[in-house]
Amino acid sequence: MNILQSSDGTRQATPGQAEPATAPTVDHIIGAPLDQLLAEHSASIFEVTSITDHRFFGQLFSKTSGEIILAMPAGQDSKVRAVAARILLAHYNDLPLGRFPNIMTVTDVVRNGVDVL
């Protein structure tokens, strides 16, 4: 999430971007309704039909506008989708992933605008 500092040092969301009342925590990412998390992160889910690999759970794209796109397989089980989305959002917020199922791993392709692979 892009954060702007105001003149008095308080945090402000990028214009047009919702921000949770406090910085996200693992408890919040795990416990909040998925629709609420998506709104807080200016995120939307885009269904991908061209990837059929059963090992692909989803991908997060952070646009320069501050919007987040979660590319998720079409027809994905709703519980698997919810867990995968939460893991991706937790990783995006640099939160520890230890409380999430370890059957899913997150791989950064680009981090802070730099290719890492």
PDB file of N, CA and C in Angstrom:
ATOM      1  N   MET A   1       0.852  -1.171   0.000  1.00  0.00           N
ATOM      2  CA  MET A   1       0.000   0.000   0.000  1.00  0.00           C
ATOM      3  C   MET A   1       0.890   1.223   0.000  1.00  0.00           C
ATOM      4  N   ASN A   2       0.615   2.156  -0.852  1.00  0.00           N
ATOM      5  CA  ASN A   2       1.372   3.399  -0.882  1.00  0.00           C
ATOM      6  C   ASN A   2       0.857   4.309   0.221  1.00  0.00           C
ATOM      7  N   ILE A   3       1.769   4.824   1.009  1.00  0.00           N
ATOM      8  CA  ILE A   3       1.402   5.690   2.129  1.00  0.00           C
ATOM      9  C   ILE A   3       2.072   7.041   1.939  1.00  0.00           C
ATOM     10  N   LEU A   4       1.312   8.080   2.139  1.00  0.00           N
ATOM     11  CA  LEU A   4       1.851   9.434   2.084  1.00  0.00           C
ATOM     12  C   LEU A   4       1.938   9.968   3.511  1.00  0.00           C
ATOM     13  N   GLN A   5       2.982  10.690   3.819  1.00  0.00           N
ATOM     14  CA  GLN A   5       3.100  11.333   5.119  1.00  0.00           C
ATOM     15  C   GLN A   5       2.512  12.741   5.010  1.00  0.00           C
ATOM     16  N   SER A   6       1.641  13.077   5.938  1.00  0.00           N
ATOM     17  CA  SER A   6       1.094  14.433   5.949  1.00  0.00           C
ATOM     18  C   SER A   6       2.084  15.347   6.656  1.00  0.00           C
ATOM     19  N   SER A   7       1.817  16.630   6.624  1.00  0.00           N
ATOM     20  CA  SER A   7       2.735  17.601   7.230  1.00  0.00           C
ATOM     21  C   SER A   7       2.873  17.404   8.739  1.00  0.00           C
ATOM     22  N   ASP A   8       1.858  16.804   9.382  1.00  0.00           N
ATOM     23  CA  ASP A   8       1.962  16.574  10.826  1.00  0.00           C
ATOM     24  C   ASP A   8       2.483  15.177  11.159  1.00  0.00           C
ATOM     25  N   GLY A   9       2.957  14.441  10.126  1.00  0.00           N
ATOM     26  CA  GLY A   9       3.577  13.141  10.355  1.00  0.00           C
ATOM     27  C   GLY A   9       2.619  11.970  10.422  1.00  0.00           C
ATOM     28  N   THR A  10       1.315  12.213  10.261  1.00  0.00           N
ATOM     29  CA  THR A  10       0.373  11.110  10.299  1.00  0.00           C
ATOM     30  C   THR A  10       0.278  10.467   8.923  1.00  0.00           C
ATOM     31  N   ARG A  11      -0.178   9.206   8.919  1.00  0.00           N
ATOM     32  CA  ARG A  11      -0.288   8.469   7.666  1.00  0.00           C
ATOM     33  C   ARG A  11      -1.554   8.850   6.918  1.00  0.00           C
ATOM     34  N   GLN A  12      -1.450   8.838   5.604  1.00  0.00           N
ATOM     35  CA  GLN A  12      -2.611   9.055   4.746  1.00  0.00           C
ATOM     36  C   GLN A  12      -2.539   8.033   3.625  1.00  0.00           C
ATOM     37  N   ALA A  13      -3.680   7.501   3.230  1.00  0.00           N
ATOM     38  CA  ALA A  13      -3.696   6.591   2.090  1.00  0.00           C
ATOM     39  C   ALA A  13      -3.473   7.386   0.820  1.00  0.00           C
ATOM     40  N   THR A  14      -2.924   6.713  -0.182  1.00  0.00           N
ATOM     41  CA  THR A  14      -2.814   7.327  -1.499  1.00  0.00           C
ATOM     42  C   THR A  14      -4.210   7.742  -1.935  1.00  0.00           C
ATOM     43  N   PRO A  15      -4.374   8.898  -2.580  1.00  0.00           N
ATOM     44  CA  PRO A  15      -5.714   9.333  -2.995  1.00  0.00           C
ATOM     45  C   PRO A  15      -6.443   8.231  -3.764  1.00  0.00           C
ATOM     46  N   GLY A  16      -7.715   8.024  -3.385  1.00  0.00           N
ATOM     47  CA  GLY A  16      -8.525   7.007  -4.036  1.00  0.00           C
ATOM     48  C   GLY A  16      -8.323   5.620  -3.459  1.00  0.00           C
ATOM     49  N   GLN A  17      -7.524   5.492  -2.420  1.00  0.00           N
ATOM     50  CA  GLN A  17      -7.209   4.185  -1.848  1.00  0.00           C
ATOM     51  C   GLN A  17      -7.708   4.139  -0.409  1.00  0.00           C
ATOM     52  N   ALA A  18      -8.468   3.097  -0.067  1.00  0.00           N
ATOM     53  CA  ALA A  18      -8.926   2.924   1.304  1.00  0.00           C
ATOM     54  C   ALA A  18      -7.772   2.397   2.143  1.00  0.00           C
ATOM     55  N   GLU A  19      -7.783   2.706   3.406  1.00  0.00           N
ATOM     56  CA  GLU A  19      -6.739   2.212   4.298  1.00  0.00           C
ATOM     57  C   GLU A  19      -7.388   1.767   5.599  1.00  0.00           C
ATOM     58  N   PRO A  20      -6.972   0.622   6.148  1.00  0.00           N
ATOM     59  CA  PRO A  20      -7.516   0.218   7.436  1.00  0.00           C
ATOM     60  C   PRO A  20      -7.186   1.260   8.497  1.00  0.00           C
ATOM     61  N   ALA A  21      -7.954   1.270   9.588  1.00  0.00           N
ATOM     62  CA  ALA A  21      -7.753   2.255  10.649  1.00  0.00           C
ATOM     63  C   ALA A  21      -6.339   2.183  11.199  1.00  0.00           C
ATOM     64  N   THR A  22      -5.762   1.007  11.249  1.00  0.00           N
ATOM     65  CA  THR A  22      -4.385   0.831  11.700  1.00  0.00           C
ATOM     66  C   THR A  22      -3.658  -0.015  10.663  1.00  0.00           C
ATOM     67  N   ALA A  23      -2.356  -0.103  10.796  1.00  0.00           N
ATOM     68  CA  ALA A  23      -1.586  -0.939   9.878  1.00  0.00           C
ATOM     69  C   ALA A  23      -2.101  -2.375   9.980  1.00  0.00           C
ATOM     70  N   PRO A  24      -2.184  -3.086   8.851  1.00  0.00           N
ATOM     71  CA  PRO A  24      -2.699  -4.454   8.881  1.00  0.00           C
ATOM     72  C   PRO A  24      -1.848  -5.356   9.777  1.00  0.00           C
ATOM     73  N   THR A  25      -2.496  -6.291  10.425  1.00  0.00           N
ATOM     74  CA  THR A  25      -1.826  -7.300  11.230  1.00  0.00           C
ATOM     75  C   THR A  25      -2.200  -8.667  10.685  1.00  0.00           C
ATOM     76  N   VAL A  26      -1.457  -9.678  11.075  1.00  0.00           N
ATOM     77  CA  VAL A  26      -1.790 -11.043  10.657  1.00  0.00           C
ATOM     78  C   VAL A  26      -3.192 -11.402  11.146  1.00  0.00           C
ATOM     79  N   ASP A  27      -3.522 -11.045  12.380  1.00  0.00           N
ATOM     80  CA  ASP A  27      -4.853 -11.336  12.913  1.00  0.00           C
ATOM     81  C   ASP A  27      -5.944 -10.699  12.063  1.00  0.00           C
ATOM     82  N   HIS A  28      -5.714  -9.468  11.631  1.00  0.00           N
ATOM     83  CA  HIS A  28      -6.701  -8.774  10.797  1.00  0.00           C
ATOM     84  C   HIS A  28      -6.827  -9.447   9.428  1.00  0.00           C
ATOM     85  N   ILE A  29      -5.706  -9.785   8.815  1.00  0.00           N
ATOM     86  CA  ILE A  29      -5.733 -10.432   7.495  1.00  0.00           C
ATOM     87  C   ILE A  29      -6.442 -11.776   7.585  1.00  0.00           C
ATOM     88  N   ILE A  30      -6.217 -12.512   8.671  1.00  0.00           N
ATOM     89  CA  ILE A  30      -6.851 -13.823   8.841  1.00  0.00           C
ATOM     90  C   ILE A  30      -8.332 -13.685   9.174  1.00  0.00           C
ATOM     91  N   GLY A  31      -8.684 -12.720  10.025  1.00  0.00           N
ATOM     92  CA  GLY A  31     -10.035 -12.670  10.569  1.00  0.00           C
ATOM     93  C   GLY A  31     -11.046 -11.795   9.863  1.00  0.00           C
ATOM     94  N   ALA A  32     -10.606 -10.802   9.130  1.00  0.00           N
ATOM     95  CA  ALA A  32     -11.550  -9.876   8.487  1.00  0.00           C
ATOM     96  C   ALA A  32     -12.224 -10.551   7.291  1.00  0.00           C
ATOM     97  N   PRO A  33     -13.451 -10.179   7.005  1.00  0.00           N
ATOM     98  CA  PRO A  33     -14.097 -10.702   5.793  1.00  0.00           C
ATOM     99  C   PRO A  33     -13.275 -10.341   4.549  1.00  0.00           C
ATOM    100  N   LEU A  34     -13.202 -11.259   3.603  1.00  0.00           N
ATOM    101  CA  LEU A  34     -12.382 -11.041   2.416  1.00  0.00           C
ATOM    102  C   LEU A  34     -12.802  -9.782   1.664  1.00  0.00           C
ATOM    103  N   ASP A  35     -14.104  -9.538   1.550  1.00  0.00           N
ATOM    104  CA  ASP A  35     -14.560  -8.326   0.856  1.00  0.00           C
ATOM    105  C   ASP A  35     -14.018  -7.063   1.534  1.00  0.00           C
ATOM    106  N   GLN A  36     -13.962  -7.067   2.858  1.00  0.00           N
ATOM    107  CA  GLN A  36     -13.426  -5.919   3.601  1.00  0.00           C
ATOM    108  C   GLN A  36     -11.935  -5.747   3.312  1.00  0.00           C
ATOM    109  N   LEU A  37     -11.186  -6.858   3.314  1.00  0.00           N
ATOM    110  CA  LEU A  37      -9.748  -6.776   3.020  1.00  0.00           C
ATOM    111  C   LEU A  37      -9.500  -6.238   1.618  1.00  0.00           C
ATOM    112  N   LEU A  38     -10.287  -6.710   0.663  1.00  0.00           N
ATOM    113  CA  LEU A  38     -10.137  -6.226  -0.711  1.00  0.00           C
ATOM    114  C   LEU A  38     -10.390  -4.727  -0.777  1.00  0.00           C
ATOM    115  N   ALA A  39     -11.436  -4.254  -0.110  1.00  0.00           N
ATOM    116  CA  ALA A  39     -11.752  -2.821  -0.112  1.00  0.00           C
ATOM    117  C   ALA A  39     -10.639  -2.012   0.564  1.00  0.00           C
ATOM    118  N   GLU A  40     -10.117  -2.504   1.683  1.00  0.00           N
ATOM    119  CA  GLU A  40      -9.057  -1.798   2.399  1.00  0.00           C
ATOM    120  C   GLU A  40      -7.778  -1.679   1.571  1.00  0.00           C
ATOM    121  N   HIS A  41      -7.569  -2.614   0.684  1.00  0.00           N
ATOM    122  CA  HIS A  41      -6.354  -2.622  -0.130  1.00  0.00           C
ATOM    123  C   HIS A  41      -6.594  -2.125  -1.562  1.00  0.00           C
ATOM    124  N   SER A  42      -7.781  -1.597  -1.819  1.00  0.00           N
ATOM    125  CA  SER A  42      -8.160  -1.204  -3.186  1.00  0.00           C
ATOM    126  C   SER A  42      -7.827  -2.347  -4.149  1.00  0.00           C
ATOM    127  N   ALA A  43      -8.240  -3.532  -3.747  1.00  0.00           N
ATOM    128  CA  ALA A  43      -7.912  -4.746  -4.504  1.00  0.00           C
ATOM    129  C   ALA A  43      -9.157  -5.344  -5.137  1.00  0.00           C
ATOM    130  N   SER A  44      -8.946  -6.008  -6.253  1.00  0.00           N
ATOM    131  CA  SER A  44     -10.024  -6.749  -6.894  1.00  0.00           C
ATOM    132  C   SER A  44      -9.464  -8.072  -7.393  1.00  0.00           C
ATOM    133  N   ILE A  45     -10.361  -9.040  -7.519  1.00  0.00           N
ATOM    134  CA  ILE A  45      -9.973 -10.360  -8.005  1.00  0.00           C
ATOM    135  C   ILE A  45     -10.324 -10.460  -9.478  1.00  0.00           C
ATOM    136  N   PHE A  46      -9.365 -10.900 -10.254  1.00  0.00           N
ATOM    137  CA  PHE A  46      -9.527 -11.120 -11.692  1.00  0.00           C
ATOM    138  C   PHE A  46      -9.348 -12.612 -11.926  1.00  0.00           C
ATOM    139  N   GLU A  47     -10.343 -13.250 -12.550  1.00  0.00           N
ATOM    140  CA  GLU A  47     -10.260 -14.683 -12.803  1.00  0.00           C
ATOM    141  C   GLU A  47      -9.458 -14.962 -14.063  1.00  0.00           C
ATOM    142  N   VAL A  48      -8.478 -15.850 -13.924  1.00  0.00           N
ATOM    143  CA  VAL A  48      -7.605 -16.229 -15.032  1.00  0.00           C
ATOM    144  C   VAL A  48      -8.051 -17.593 -15.545  1.00  0.00           C
ATOM    145  N   THR A  49      -8.367 -17.662 -16.821  1.00  0.00           N
ATOM    146  CA  THR A  49      -8.783 -18.938 -17.405  1.00  0.00           C
ATOM    147  C   THR A  49      -7.655 -19.620 -18.167  1.00  0.00           C
ATOM    148  N   SER A  50      -6.598 -18.888 -18.467  1.00  0.00           N
ATOM    149  CA  SER A  50      -5.529 -19.430 -19.309  1.00  0.00           C
ATOM    150  C   SER A  50      -4.495 -20.257 -18.541  1.00  0.00           C
ATOM    151  N   ILE A  51      -4.513 -20.205 -17.210  1.00  0.00           N
ATOM    152  CA  ILE A  51      -3.572 -20.992 -16.413  1.00  0.00           C
ATOM    153  C   ILE A  51      -4.333 -22.149 -15.791  1.00  0.00           C
ATOM    154  N   THR A  52      -3.910 -23.364 -16.138  1.00  0.00           N
ATOM    155  CA  THR A  52      -4.601 -24.548 -15.637  1.00  0.00           C
ATOM    156  C   THR A  52      -3.721 -25.379 -14.700  1.00  0.00           C
ATOM    157  N   ASP A  53      -2.537 -24.900 -14.381  1.00  0.00           N
ATOM    158  CA  ASP A  53      -1.629 -25.610 -13.483  1.00  0.00           C
ATOM    159  C   ASP A  53      -2.240 -25.646 -12.079  1.00  0.00           C
ATOM    160  N   HIS A  54      -2.465 -26.849 -11.551  1.00  0.00           N
ATOM    161  CA  HIS A  54      -3.095 -26.988 -10.233  1.00  0.00           C
ATOM    162  C   HIS A  54      -2.230 -26.431  -9.105  1.00  0.00           C
ATOM    163  N   ARG A  55      -0.956 -26.131  -9.362  1.00  0.00           N
ATOM    164  CA  ARG A  55      -0.068 -25.569  -8.343  1.00  0.00           C
ATOM    165  C   ARG A  55      -0.152 -24.044  -8.282  1.00  0.00           C
ATOM    166  N   PHE A  56      -0.870 -23.429  -9.218  1.00  0.00           N
ATOM    167  CA  PHE A  56      -1.011 -21.968  -9.246  1.00  0.00           C
ATOM    168  C   PHE A  56      -2.226 -21.576  -8.416  1.00  0.00           C
ATOM    169  N   PHE A  57      -1.983 -20.841  -7.330  1.00  0.00           N
ATOM    170  CA  PHE A  57      -3.071 -20.411  -6.455  1.00  0.00           C
ATOM    171  C   PHE A  57      -3.453 -18.956  -6.675  1.00  0.00           C
ATOM    172  N   GLY A  58      -2.543 -18.151  -7.240  1.00  0.00           N
ATOM    173  CA  GLY A  58      -2.859 -16.761  -7.484  1.00  0.00           C
ATOM    174  C   GLY A  58      -1.608 -15.915  -7.573  1.00  0.00           C
ATOM    175  N   GLN A  59      -1.810 -14.694  -8.040  1.00  0.00           N
ATOM    176  CA  GLN A  59      -0.712 -13.756  -8.204  1.00  0.00           C
ATOM    177  C   GLN A  59      -1.223 -12.358  -7.880  1.00  0.00           C
ATOM    178  N   LEU A  60      -0.371 -11.561  -7.242  1.00  0.00           N
ATOM    179  CA  LEU A  60      -0.731 -10.196  -6.877  1.00  0.00           C
ATOM    180  C   LEU A  60       0.054  -9.231  -7.744  1.00  0.00           C
ATOM    181  N   PHE A  61      -0.671  -8.271  -8.317  1.00  0.00           N
ATOM    182  CA  PHE A  61      -0.068  -7.195  -9.098  1.00  0.00           C
ATOM    183  C   PHE A  61      -0.391  -5.887  -8.404  1.00  0.00           C
ATOM    184  N   SER A  62       0.615  -5.085  -8.133  1.00  0.00           N
ATOM    185  CA  SER A  62       0.420  -3.770  -7.543  1.00  0.00           C
ATOM    186  C   SER A  62       0.626  -2.734  -8.637  1.00  0.00           C
ATOM    187  N   LYS A  63      -0.452  -2.037  -8.991  1.00  0.00           N
ATOM    188  CA  LYS A  63      -0.373  -1.043 -10.053  1.00  0.00           C
ATOM    189  C   LYS A  63       0.152   0.284  -9.510  1.00  0.00           C
ATOM    190  N   THR A  64       0.721   1.096 -10.372  1.00  0.00           N
ATOM    191  CA  THR A  64       1.251   2.397  -9.952  1.00  0.00           C
ATOM    192  C   THR A  64       0.147   3.303  -9.405  1.00  0.00           C
ATOM    193  N   SER A  65      -1.090   3.032  -9.769  1.00  0.00           N
ATOM    194  CA  SER A  65      -2.218   3.814  -9.259  1.00  0.00           C
ATOM    195  C   SER A  65      -2.534   3.492  -7.801  1.00  0.00           C
ATOM    196  N   GLY A  66      -1.916   2.419  -7.263  1.00  0.00           N
ATOM    197  CA  GLY A  66      -2.223   1.989  -5.905  1.00  0.00           C
ATOM    198  C   GLY A  66      -3.206   0.842  -5.865  1.00  0.00           C
ATOM    199  N   GLU A  67      -3.846   0.568  -6.995  1.00  0.00           N
ATOM    200  CA  GLU A  67      -4.792  -0.539  -7.075  1.00  0.00           C
ATOM    201  C   GLU A  67      -4.028  -1.862  -7.065  1.00  0.00           C
ATOM    202  N   ILE A  68      -4.643  -2.870  -6.457  1.00  0.00           N
ATOM    203  CA  ILE A  68      -4.070  -4.212  -6.424  1.00  0.00           C
ATOM    204  C   ILE A  68      -4.989  -5.147  -7.191  1.00  0.00           C
ATOM    205  N   ILE A  69      -4.384  -5.957  -8.038  1.00  0.00           N
ATOM    206  CA  ILE A  69      -5.118  -6.983  -8.777  1.00  0.00           C
ATOM    207  C   ILE A  69      -4.646  -8.342  -8.258  1.00  0.00           C
ATOM    208  N   LEU A  70      -5.595  -9.173  -7.867  1.00  0.00           N
ATOM    209  CA  LEU A  70      -5.296 -10.548  -7.501  1.00  0.00           C
ATOM    210  C   LEU A  70      -5.780 -11.425  -8.652  1.00  0.00           C
ATOM    211  N   ALA A  71      -4.848 -12.016  -9.381  1.00  0.00           N
ATOM    212  CA  ALA A  71      -5.175 -12.917 -10.482  1.00  0.00           C
ATOM    213  C   ALA A  71      -5.306 -14.313  -9.895  1.00  0.00           C
ATOM    214  N   MET A  72      -6.508 -14.867  -9.960  1.00  0.00           N
ATOM    215  CA  MET A  72      -6.793 -16.159  -9.344  1.00  0.00           C
ATOM    216  C   MET A  72      -7.392 -17.093 -10.396  1.00  0.00           C
ATOM    217  N   PRO A  73      -7.103 -18.396 -10.307  1.00  0.00           N
ATOM    218  CA  PRO A  73      -7.633 -19.336 -11.291  1.00  0.00           C
ATOM    219  C   PRO A  73      -9.159 -19.354 -11.304  1.00  0.00           C
ATOM    220  N   ALA A  74      -9.733 -19.382 -12.494  1.00  0.00           N
ATOM    221  CA  ALA A  74     -11.187 -19.505 -12.633  1.00  0.00           C
ATOM    222  C   ALA A  74     -11.602 -20.867 -12.092  1.00  0.00           C
ATOM    223  N   GLY A  75     -12.724 -20.921 -11.414  1.00  0.00           N
ATOM    224  CA  GLY A  75     -13.233 -22.173 -10.883  1.00  0.00           C
ATOM    225  C   GLY A  75     -12.555 -22.632  -9.608  1.00  0.00           C
ATOM    226  N   GLN A  76     -11.710 -21.796  -9.044  1.00  0.00           N
ATOM    227  CA  GLN A  76     -10.997 -22.148  -7.817  1.00  0.00           C
ATOM    228  C   GLN A  76     -11.990 -22.270  -6.664  1.00  0.00           C
ATOM    229  N   ASP A  77     -11.792 -23.262  -5.812  1.00  0.00           N
ATOM    230  CA  ASP A  77     -12.621 -23.437  -4.629  1.00  0.00           C
ATOM    231  C   ASP A  77     -12.602 -22.150  -3.805  1.00  0.00           C
ATOM    232  N   SER A  78     -13.749 -21.723  -3.314  1.00  0.00           N
ATOM    233  CA  SER A  78     -13.840 -20.438  -2.617  1.00  0.00           C
ATOM    234  C   SER A  78     -12.997 -20.393  -1.345  1.00  0.00           C
ATOM    235  N   LYS A  79     -12.866 -21.509  -0.636  1.00  0.00           N
ATOM    236  CA  LYS A  79     -12.041 -21.521   0.576  1.00  0.00           C
ATOM    237  C   LYS A  79     -10.560 -21.417   0.223  1.00  0.00           C
ATOM    238  N   VAL A  80     -10.146 -22.120  -0.825  1.00  0.00           N
ATOM    239  CA  VAL A  80      -8.755 -22.041  -1.274  1.00  0.00           C
ATOM    240  C   VAL A  80      -8.463 -20.617  -1.741  1.00  0.00           C
ATOM    241  N   ARG A  81      -9.405 -20.029  -2.483  1.00  0.00           N
ATOM    242  CA  ARG A  81      -9.232 -18.658  -2.971  1.00  0.00           C
ATOM    243  C   ARG A  81      -9.076 -17.684  -1.815  1.00  0.00           C
ATOM    244  N   ALA A  82      -9.894 -17.829  -0.781  1.00  0.00           N
ATOM    245  CA  ALA A  82      -9.835 -16.918   0.361  1.00  0.00           C
ATOM    246  C   ALA A  82      -8.484 -17.027   1.069  1.00  0.00           C
ATOM    247  N   VAL A  83      -7.993 -18.247   1.261  1.00  0.00           N
ATOM    248  CA  VAL A  83      -6.698 -18.435   1.918  1.00  0.00           C
ATOM    249  C   VAL A  83      -5.580 -17.857   1.055  1.00  0.00           C
ATOM    250  N   ALA A  84      -5.599 -18.175  -0.244  1.00  0.00           N
ATOM    251  CA  ALA A  84      -4.556 -17.679  -1.151  1.00  0.00           C
ATOM    252  C   ALA A  84      -4.550 -16.147  -1.184  1.00  0.00           C
ATOM    253  N   ALA A  85      -5.723 -15.531  -1.252  1.00  0.00           N
ATOM    254  CA  ALA A  85      -5.805 -14.066  -1.277  1.00  0.00           C
ATOM    255  C   ALA A  85      -5.247 -13.472   0.014  1.00  0.00           C
ATOM    256  N   ARG A  86      -5.565 -14.080   1.141  1.00  0.00           N
ATOM    257  CA  ARG A  86      -5.070 -13.588   2.429  1.00  0.00           C
ATOM    258  C   ARG A  86      -3.553 -13.714   2.525  1.00  0.00           C
ATOM    259  N   ILE A  87      -3.018 -14.844   2.032  1.00  0.00           N
ATOM    260  CA  ILE A  87      -1.566 -15.024   2.036  1.00  0.00           C
ATOM    261  C   ILE A  87      -0.906 -13.956   1.177  1.00  0.00           C
ATOM    262  N   LEU A  88      -1.441 -13.719  -0.013  1.00  0.00           N
ATOM    263  CA  LEU A  88      -0.857 -12.718  -0.902  1.00  0.00           C
ATOM    264  C   LEU A  88      -0.924 -11.321  -0.286  1.00  0.00           C
ATOM    265  N   LEU A  89      -2.046 -10.987   0.346  1.00  0.00           N
ATOM    266  CA  LEU A  89      -2.176  -9.667   0.976  1.00  0.00           C
ATOM    267  C   LEU A  89      -1.252  -9.547   2.195  1.00  0.00           C
ATOM    268  N   ALA A  90      -1.104 -10.613   2.957  1.00  0.00           N
ATOM    269  CA  ALA A  90      -0.184 -10.584   4.101  1.00  0.00           C
ATOM    270  C   ALA A  90       1.251 -10.383   3.610  1.00  0.00           C
ATOM    271  N   HIS A  91       1.625 -11.101   2.561  1.00  0.00           N
ATOM    272  CA  HIS A  91       2.977 -10.951   2.016  1.00  0.00           C
ATOM    273  C   HIS A  91       3.178  -9.534   1.470  1.00  0.00           C
ATOM    274  N   TYR A  92       2.175  -9.009   0.801  1.00  0.00           N
ATOM    275  CA  TYR A  92       2.241  -7.641   0.274  1.00  0.00           C
ATOM    276  C   TYR A  92       2.510  -6.632   1.389  1.00  0.00           C
ATOM    277  N   ASN A  93       1.933  -6.894   2.568  1.00  0.00           N
ATOM    278  CA  ASN A  93       2.109  -6.011   3.723  1.00  0.00           C
ATOM    279  C   ASN A  93       3.327  -6.385   4.569  1.00  0.00           C
ATOM    280  N   ASP A  94       4.193  -7.253   4.041  1.00  0.00           N
ATOM    281  CA  ASP A  94       5.409  -7.690   4.742  1.00  0.00           C
ATOM    282  C   ASP A  94       5.122  -8.285   6.114  1.00  0.00           C
ATOM    283  N   LEU A  95       4.029  -9.022   6.215  1.00  0.00           N
ATOM    284  CA  LEU A  95       3.668  -9.687   7.463  1.00  0.00           C
ATOM    285  C   LEU A  95       4.198 -11.122   7.448  1.00  0.00           C
ATOM    286  N   PRO A  96       4.488 -11.688   8.614  1.00  0.00           N
ATOM    287  CA  PRO A  96       4.960 -13.075   8.659  1.00  0.00           C
ATOM    288  C   PRO A  96       3.857 -14.032   8.214  1.00  0.00           C
ATOM    289  N   LEU A  97       4.242 -15.077   7.508  1.00  0.00           N
ATOM    290  CA  LEU A  97       3.274 -16.021   6.949  1.00  0.00           C
ATOM    291  C   LEU A  97       3.179 -17.315   7.746  1.00  0.00           C
ATOM    292  N   GLY A  98       3.811 -17.373   8.910  1.00  0.00           N
ATOM    293  CA  GLY A  98       3.869 -18.597   9.696  1.00  0.00           C
ATOM    294  C   GLY A  98       2.533 -19.165  10.127  1.00  0.00           C
ATOM    295  N   ARG A  99       1.500 -18.360  10.229  1.00  0.00           N
ATOM    296  CA  ARG A  99       0.185 -18.851  10.669  1.00  0.00           C
ATOM    297  C   ARG A  99      -0.679 -19.318   9.508  1.00  0.00           C
ATOM    298  N   PHE A 100      -0.167 -19.199   8.288  1.00  0.00           N
ATOM    299  CA  PHE A 100      -0.908 -19.649   7.114  1.00  0.00           C
ATOM    300  C   PHE A 100      -0.462 -21.057   6.742  1.00  0.00           C
ATOM    301  N   PRO A 101      -1.307 -21.801   6.005  1.00  0.00           N
ATOM    302  CA  PRO A 101      -0.900 -23.154   5.588  1.00  0.00           C
ATOM    303  C   PRO A 101       0.396 -23.111   4.793  1.00  0.00           C
ATOM    304  N   ASN A 102       1.306 -24.030   5.107  1.00  0.00           N
ATOM    305  CA  ASN A 102       2.595 -24.017   4.421  1.00  0.00           C
ATOM    306  C   ASN A 102       2.576 -24.807   3.113  1.00  0.00           C
ATOM    307  N   ILE A 103       1.388 -25.181   2.646  1.00  0.00           N
ATOM    308  CA  ILE A 103       1.302 -25.860   1.352  1.00  0.00           C
ATOM    309  C   ILE A 103       1.362 -24.857   0.199  1.00  0.00           C
ATOM    310  N   MET A 104       1.245 -23.574   0.525  1.00  0.00           N
ATOM    311  CA  MET A 104       1.343 -22.522  -0.483  1.00  0.00           C
ATOM    312  C   MET A 104       2.606 -21.710  -0.192  1.00  0.00           C
ATOM    313  N   THR A 105       3.363 -21.410  -1.229  1.00  0.00           N
ATOM    314  CA  THR A 105       4.538 -20.567  -1.060  1.00  0.00           C
ATOM    315  C   THR A 105       4.372 -19.313  -1.908  1.00  0.00           C
ATOM    316  N   VAL A 106       5.028 -18.257  -1.495  1.00  0.00           N
ATOM    317  CA  VAL A 106       4.984 -16.998  -2.221  1.00  0.00           C
ATOM    318  C   VAL A 106       6.364 -16.753  -2.812  1.00  0.00           C
ATOM    319  N   THR A 107       6.389 -16.445  -4.097  1.00  0.00           N
ATOM    320  CA  THR A 107       7.627 -16.138  -4.782  1.00  0.00           C
ATOM    321  C   THR A 107       7.539 -14.736  -5.342  1.00  0.00           C
ATOM    322  N   ASP A 108       8.497 -13.884  -4.977  1.00  0.00           N
ATOM    323  CA  ASP A 108       8.551 -12.536  -5.535  1.00  0.00           C
ATOM    324  C   ASP A 108       9.227 -12.615  -6.901  1.00  0.00           C
ATOM    325  N   VAL A 109       8.575 -12.046  -7.896  1.00  0.00           N
ATOM    326  CA  VAL A 109       9.168 -11.921  -9.225  1.00  0.00           C
ATOM    327  C   VAL A 109       9.794 -10.537  -9.343  1.00  0.00           C
ATOM    328  N   VAL A 110       9.085  -9.541  -8.809  1.00  0.00           N
ATOM    329  CA  VAL A 110       9.568  -8.162  -8.757  1.00  0.00           C
ATOM    330  C   VAL A 110       9.314  -7.663  -7.344  1.00  0.00           C
ATOM    331  N   ARG A 111      10.306  -7.029  -6.758  1.00  0.00           N
ATOM    332  CA  ARG A 111      10.171  -6.467  -5.415  1.00  0.00           C
ATOM    333  C   ARG A 111      10.703  -5.051  -5.458  1.00  0.00           C
ATOM    334  N   ASN A 112       9.856  -4.076  -5.103  1.00  0.00           N
ATOM    335  CA  ASN A 112      10.223  -2.660  -5.125  1.00  0.00           C
ATOM    336  C   ASN A 112      10.739  -2.235  -6.499  1.00  0.00           C
ATOM    337  N   GLY A 113      10.095  -2.749  -7.541  1.00  0.00           N
ATOM    338  CA  GLY A 113      10.430  -2.357  -8.904  1.00  0.00           C
ATOM    339  C   GLY A 113      11.648  -3.037  -9.490  1.00  0.00           C
ATOM    340  N   VAL A 114      12.213  -4.025  -8.786  1.00  0.00           N
ATOM    341  CA  VAL A 114      13.421  -4.691  -9.251  1.00  0.00           C
ATOM    342  C   VAL A 114      13.145  -6.174  -9.444  1.00  0.00           C
ATOM    343  N   ASP A 115      13.549  -6.723 -10.609  1.00  0.00           N
ATOM    344  CA  ASP A 115      13.425  -8.170 -10.824  1.00  0.00           C
ATOM    345  C   ASP A 115      14.268  -8.904  -9.788  1.00  0.00           C
ATOM    346  N   VAL A 116      13.683  -9.898  -9.137  1.00  0.00           N
ATOM    347  CA  VAL A 116      14.415 -10.626  -8.114  1.00  0.00           C
ATOM    348  C   VAL A 116      14.668 -12.082  -8.506  1.00  0.00           C
ATOM    349  N   LEU A 117      14.176 -12.491  -9.615  1.00  0.00           N
ATOM    350  CA  LEU A 117      14.435 -13.875 -10.068  1.00  0.00           C
ATOM    351  C   LEU A 117      15.669 -13.936 -10.910  1.00  0.00           C
TER     352      LEU A 117
END
